[in-house]
């Protein structure tokens, strides 16, 4: 009977250890799943930031190009005015 009682205690102990192990596995899997979601969210945020940065760089490039066109336009106006002035002097 003593052997049977110690066998039951051992079996109960094994069941408790199995329950604890299952519980630990459940907790660990929840942690890993949460980390996975967090990493996925972080990757999405970083991708959106890169995309936003690319759009901003494109916008800055467009603004720089627009500024250059305006400067070229002013220079061409100035040259055109000078040519008009020279032409008037020649026609006197």
N, C-alpha and C. Protein backbone atom coordinates (compact mmCIF):
# COMPACT_ATOMS: atom_id res chain seq x y z
N UNK A 1 0.81 -1.17 0.00
CA UNK A 1 0.00 0.00 0.00
C UNK A 1 0.86 1.25 0.00
N UNK A 2 1.97 1.16 0.71
CA UNK A 2 2.87 2.29 0.74
C UNK A 2 3.42 2.57 -0.66
N UNK A 3 3.73 1.51 -1.40
CA UNK A 3 4.24 1.67 -2.75
C UNK A 3 3.17 2.31 -3.64
N UNK A 4 1.94 1.90 -3.43
CA UNK A 4 0.84 2.45 -4.22
C UNK A 4 0.65 3.93 -3.91
N UNK A 5 0.77 4.28 -2.62
CA UNK A 5 0.63 5.68 -2.20
C UNK A 5 1.76 6.53 -2.76
N UNK A 6 2.99 6.02 -2.75
CA UNK A 6 4.11 6.78 -3.29
C UNK A 6 4.02 6.85 -4.81
N UNK A 7 3.46 5.82 -5.43
CA UNK A 7 3.25 5.84 -6.87
C UNK A 7 2.24 6.90 -7.25
N UNK A 8 1.18 7.03 -6.43
CA UNK A 8 0.17 8.06 -6.68
C UNK A 8 0.77 9.46 -6.48
N UNK A 9 1.59 9.61 -5.46
CA UNK A 9 2.24 10.89 -5.18
C UNK A 9 3.16 11.27 -6.34
N UNK A 10 3.87 10.26 -6.85
CA UNK A 10 4.75 10.50 -7.98
C UNK A 10 3.95 10.88 -9.22
N UNK A 11 2.83 10.18 -9.41
CA UNK A 11 1.97 10.47 -10.55
C UNK A 11 1.37 11.87 -10.40
N UNK A 12 0.92 12.23 -9.20
CA UNK A 12 0.40 13.58 -8.94
C UNK A 12 1.48 14.63 -9.18
N UNK A 13 2.68 14.31 -8.72
CA UNK A 13 3.80 15.23 -8.91
C UNK A 13 4.09 15.41 -10.40
N UNK A 14 4.04 14.32 -11.16
CA UNK A 14 4.26 14.39 -12.61
C UNK A 14 3.16 15.20 -13.28
N UNK A 15 1.92 15.01 -12.84
CA UNK A 15 0.79 15.76 -13.41
C UNK A 15 0.95 17.26 -13.13
N UNK A 16 1.37 17.58 -11.90
CA UNK A 16 1.59 18.99 -11.55
C UNK A 16 2.72 19.59 -12.38
N UNK A 17 3.78 18.82 -12.54
CA UNK A 17 4.92 19.29 -13.34
C UNK A 17 4.49 19.48 -14.79
N UNK A 18 3.68 18.53 -15.29
CA UNK A 18 3.18 18.64 -16.67
C UNK A 18 2.28 19.86 -16.80
N UNK A 19 1.42 20.09 -15.81
CA UNK A 19 0.52 21.25 -15.83
C UNK A 19 1.34 22.54 -15.78
N UNK A 20 2.38 22.56 -14.92
CA UNK A 20 3.24 23.74 -14.84
C UNK A 20 3.98 23.94 -16.15
N UNK A 21 4.48 22.86 -16.74
CA UNK A 21 5.19 22.97 -18.01
C UNK A 21 4.26 23.48 -19.10
N UNK A 22 3.05 22.96 -19.15
CA UNK A 22 2.08 23.41 -20.14
C UNK A 22 1.76 24.88 -19.93
N UNK A 23 1.63 25.26 -18.68
CA UNK A 23 1.34 26.67 -18.35
C UNK A 23 2.51 27.55 -18.78
N UNK A 24 3.73 27.08 -18.51
CA UNK A 24 4.91 27.85 -18.90
C UNK A 24 5.00 27.97 -20.42
N UNK A 25 4.70 26.88 -21.12
CA UNK A 25 4.73 26.89 -22.58
C UNK A 25 3.69 27.88 -23.10
N UNK A 26 2.52 27.90 -22.48
CA UNK A 26 1.46 28.82 -22.87
C UNK A 26 1.90 30.27 -22.68
N UNK A 27 2.51 30.54 -21.54
CA UNK A 27 2.98 31.90 -21.26
C UNK A 27 4.09 32.29 -22.24
N UNK A 28 5.03 31.38 -22.47
CA UNK A 28 6.12 31.66 -23.40
C UNK A 28 5.59 31.88 -24.82
N UNK A 29 4.63 31.07 -25.23
CA UNK A 29 4.08 31.24 -26.58
C UNK A 29 3.34 32.57 -26.69
N UNK A 30 2.66 32.98 -25.62
CA UNK A 30 1.99 34.29 -25.62
C UNK A 30 3.01 35.41 -25.73
N UNK A 31 4.11 35.29 -25.01
CA UNK A 31 5.17 36.30 -25.06
C UNK A 31 5.76 36.37 -26.46
N UNK A 32 6.05 35.21 -27.04
CA UNK A 32 6.64 35.17 -28.38
C UNK A 32 5.68 35.75 -29.41
N UNK A 33 4.40 35.41 -29.28
CA UNK A 33 3.40 35.94 -30.19
C UNK A 33 3.30 37.46 -30.06
N UNK A 34 3.32 37.96 -28.83
CA UNK A 34 3.28 39.41 -28.60
C UNK A 34 4.51 40.08 -29.20
N UNK A 35 5.68 39.47 -29.02
CA UNK A 35 6.90 40.02 -29.61
C UNK A 35 6.81 40.03 -31.13
N UNK A 36 6.25 38.97 -31.69
CA UNK A 36 6.07 38.91 -33.14
C UNK A 36 5.18 40.04 -33.63
N UNK A 37 4.06 40.26 -32.96
CA UNK A 37 3.17 41.35 -33.34
C UNK A 37 3.86 42.70 -33.20
N UNK A 38 4.63 42.84 -32.12
CA UNK A 38 5.35 44.10 -31.89
C UNK A 38 6.37 44.35 -33.00
N UNK A 39 7.11 43.31 -33.37
CA UNK A 39 8.10 43.45 -34.44
C UNK A 39 7.43 43.75 -35.77
N UNK A 40 6.29 43.12 -36.01
CA UNK A 40 5.55 43.38 -37.24
C UNK A 40 5.07 44.82 -37.28
N UNK A 41 4.55 45.30 -36.17
CA UNK A 41 4.10 46.69 -36.09
C UNK A 41 5.26 47.65 -36.27
N UNK A 42 6.38 47.34 -35.65
CA UNK A 42 7.57 48.18 -35.78
C UNK A 42 8.05 48.21 -37.23
N UNK A 43 8.05 47.07 -37.89
CA UNK A 43 8.47 47.02 -39.29
C UNK A 43 7.53 47.86 -40.16
N UNK A 44 6.24 47.81 -39.87
CA UNK A 44 5.27 48.61 -40.63
C UNK A 44 5.52 50.08 -40.41
N UNK A 45 5.77 50.47 -39.16
CA UNK A 45 6.03 51.88 -38.84
C UNK A 45 7.29 52.35 -39.55
N UNK A 46 8.34 51.55 -39.52
CA UNK A 46 9.60 51.92 -40.20
C UNK A 46 9.40 52.05 -41.70
N UNK A 47 8.63 51.13 -42.28
CA UNK A 47 8.37 51.20 -43.73
C UNK A 47 7.60 52.47 -44.07
N UNK A 48 6.62 52.83 -43.24
CA UNK A 48 5.86 54.05 -43.47
C UNK A 48 6.73 55.29 -43.32
N UNK A 49 7.63 55.27 -42.34
CA UNK A 49 8.55 56.40 -42.16
C UNK A 49 9.49 56.54 -43.37
N UNK A 50 9.98 55.41 -43.88
CA UNK A 50 10.85 55.46 -45.07
C UNK A 50 10.09 56.01 -46.26
N UNK A 51 8.84 55.56 -46.41
CA UNK A 51 8.02 56.04 -47.52
C UNK A 51 7.76 57.54 -47.39
N UNK A 52 7.47 57.98 -46.17
CA UNK A 52 7.23 59.40 -45.93
C UNK A 52 8.49 60.22 -46.22
N UNK A 53 9.64 59.68 -45.81
CA UNK A 53 10.91 60.36 -46.07
C UNK A 53 11.18 60.46 -47.57
N UNK A 54 10.88 59.39 -48.30
CA UNK A 54 11.08 59.40 -49.75
C UNK A 54 10.18 60.44 -50.41
N UNK A 55 8.93 60.53 -49.94
CA UNK A 55 8.00 61.53 -50.48
C UNK A 55 8.50 62.93 -50.17
N UNK A 56 9.00 63.11 -48.95
CA UNK A 56 9.51 64.42 -48.54
C UNK A 56 10.74 64.80 -49.38
N UNK A 57 11.63 63.84 -49.62
CA UNK A 57 12.82 64.12 -50.44
C UNK A 57 12.41 64.47 -51.86
N UNK A 58 11.42 63.76 -52.38
CA UNK A 58 10.93 64.04 -53.73
C UNK A 58 10.33 65.44 -53.78
N UNK A 59 9.61 65.81 -52.74
CA UNK A 59 9.00 67.14 -52.66
C UNK A 59 10.08 68.22 -52.59
N UNK A 60 11.11 67.97 -51.78
CA UNK A 60 12.21 68.93 -51.67
C UNK A 60 12.94 69.06 -53.01
N UNK A 61 13.12 67.93 -53.68
CA UNK A 61 13.78 67.93 -54.99
C UNK A 61 12.95 68.75 -55.98
N UNK A 62 11.65 68.56 -55.93
CA UNK A 62 10.74 69.30 -56.81
C UNK A 62 10.79 70.79 -56.50
N UNK A 63 10.83 71.12 -55.20
CA UNK A 63 10.91 72.53 -54.80
C UNK A 63 12.23 73.15 -55.25
N UNK A 64 13.33 72.40 -55.12
CA UNK A 64 14.63 72.89 -55.57
C UNK A 64 14.62 73.12 -57.08
N UNK A 65 14.03 72.17 -57.79
CA UNK A 65 13.96 72.30 -59.24
C UNK A 65 13.11 73.52 -59.61
N UNK A 66 12.02 73.72 -58.90
CA UNK A 66 11.15 74.87 -59.15
C UNK A 66 11.91 76.18 -58.89
N UNK A 67 12.68 76.20 -57.82
CA UNK A 67 13.49 77.38 -57.49
C UNK A 67 14.51 77.66 -58.59
N UNK A 68 15.14 76.58 -59.09
CA UNK A 68 16.12 76.74 -60.17
C UNK A 68 15.45 77.29 -61.43
N UNK A 69 14.26 76.79 -61.76
CA UNK A 69 13.54 77.30 -62.93
C UNK A 69 13.19 78.77 -62.78
N UNK A 70 12.81 79.16 -61.57
CA UNK A 70 12.50 80.58 -61.33
C UNK A 70 13.74 81.45 -61.50
N UNK A 71 14.88 80.96 -60.98
CA UNK A 71 16.13 81.70 -61.13
C UNK A 71 16.52 81.80 -62.61
N UNK A 72 16.38 80.70 -63.34
CA UNK A 72 16.70 80.72 -64.77
C UNK A 72 15.76 81.68 -65.51
N UNK A 73 14.50 81.69 -65.12
CA UNK A 73 13.53 82.59 -65.75
C UNK A 73 13.93 84.05 -65.51
N UNK A 74 14.33 84.38 -64.28
CA UNK A 74 14.75 85.75 -63.97
C UNK A 74 16.00 86.12 -64.77
N UNK A 75 16.94 85.17 -64.85
CA UNK A 75 18.16 85.44 -65.61
C UNK A 75 17.84 85.66 -67.09
N UNK A 76 16.95 84.83 -67.63
CA UNK A 76 16.57 84.99 -69.03
C UNK A 76 15.83 86.31 -69.26
N UNK A 77 15.01 86.70 -68.31
CA UNK A 77 14.34 88.00 -68.41
C UNK A 77 15.36 89.13 -68.44
N UNK A 78 16.35 89.01 -67.55
CA UNK A 78 17.39 90.02 -67.49
C UNK A 78 18.16 90.09 -68.82
N UNK A 79 18.53 88.94 -69.35
CA UNK A 79 19.24 88.89 -70.63
C UNK A 79 18.35 89.46 -71.73
N UNK A 80 17.09 89.11 -71.73
CA UNK A 80 16.15 89.61 -72.73
C UNK A 80 16.03 91.14 -72.63
N UNK A 81 15.96 91.65 -71.42
CA UNK A 81 15.89 93.10 -71.22
C UNK A 81 17.17 93.78 -71.74
N UNK A 82 18.30 93.15 -71.47
CA UNK A 82 19.57 93.71 -71.96
C UNK A 82 19.61 93.71 -73.49
N UNK A 83 19.15 92.62 -74.08
CA UNK A 83 19.13 92.54 -75.55
C UNK A 83 18.19 93.60 -76.13
N UNK A 84 17.04 93.78 -75.49
CA UNK A 84 16.11 94.83 -75.93
C UNK A 84 16.77 96.21 -75.83
N UNK A 85 17.47 96.42 -74.75
CA UNK A 85 18.14 97.70 -74.55
C UNK A 85 19.21 97.92 -75.62
N UNK A 86 19.99 96.89 -75.90
CA UNK A 86 21.03 96.98 -76.93
C UNK A 86 20.39 97.22 -78.29
N UNK A 87 19.29 96.52 -78.56
CA UNK A 87 18.61 96.68 -79.84
C UNK A 87 18.08 98.10 -80.00
N UNK A 88 17.54 98.69 -78.96
CA UNK A 88 17.05 100.08 -79.02
C UNK A 88 18.20 101.05 -79.29
N UNK A 89 19.34 100.80 -78.64
CA UNK A 89 20.48 101.68 -78.87
C UNK A 89 20.98 101.58 -80.30
N UNK A 90 20.94 100.36 -80.85
CA UNK A 90 21.38 100.17 -82.23
C UNK A 90 20.41 100.82 -83.22
N UNK A 91 19.16 100.86 -82.90
CA UNK A 91 18.15 101.43 -83.80
C UNK A 91 18.05 102.93 -83.71
N UNK A 92 18.76 103.61 -82.88
CA UNK A 92 18.73 105.06 -82.77
C UNK A 92 19.39 105.73 -83.90
